Amino acid sequence: MAVRKVLLYPDPGLKRVCVPAPSGNELSLIVDDLIDTMRSFPGCVGIAAPQIGYFSRVAVIDLSEHRKAPLTVHGLTVLVDPVVVSGEGSEVAREGCLSIPQLTANVRRYVDARVDARDGTLDFEGFEARCVLHEIDHLDGLLFLDRVDSLTQDVFPRKQRK
C-alpha cells in the first residue's frame, strides 16, 4: 500500500487504453494504492489505475463525505473491469481531474448510468454517475478535455483555494 505519484497531462500514459484487470495479490495491490492515493488528496472522489501508472481496468470512487453525493451513494466502490452498459438523461456540469489540476471544464454526461463490473452490475445516479463515468473514461484513454464541446468556451482555469 502506497500513495503513488499521479500522472499529469500530457503524460502519454493517460491516453493508453487499459487491459483487463489482474486477479489476486496484483489486483489487491492496485486497489490499495488507488485508495491510499485518492485519500491523500482532500476532496478527491475518484481515481483510475492509469493515473498512478497501472494500466489495468480498475478504478475506485468514494462520495461518502461529498456534499453533492446522492442519497443512493454506494460509499467506497471498487470497479474492476467496468463497462458502461446503459445511461439515461444528459446534463452538463463542471469537472476537474487530479491529472489536469490547473483546469476544469463543462462536460456532458449521463445523469444515470448502469455499469457491469467483475463483481456484478451497479446503478449510479447524479454526481456519483458522473464520477464513475469520468473514471471509466480514464480506463479507455479519455480525459474530460476529450468530452468538451468547445475547448475555447467550456474549459476554465481552476480557482485557487485560499
Foldseek 3Di string as FASTA:
>chain_A
DDQAQFAAPPPVLQQDAAAADDDDPRNVVQVVNQVVNQVVDPPRFKAASSRRPHRHGKMWGACPPPPFADPPGPGIDIFGPKDWPDAADKDWDWDDDPRHHFKIFTFIDGQKTWIQGPVGIDIDGHPVRVRVVQRSCSNNSHHRVVGHPDPVPTMDTDDDDD
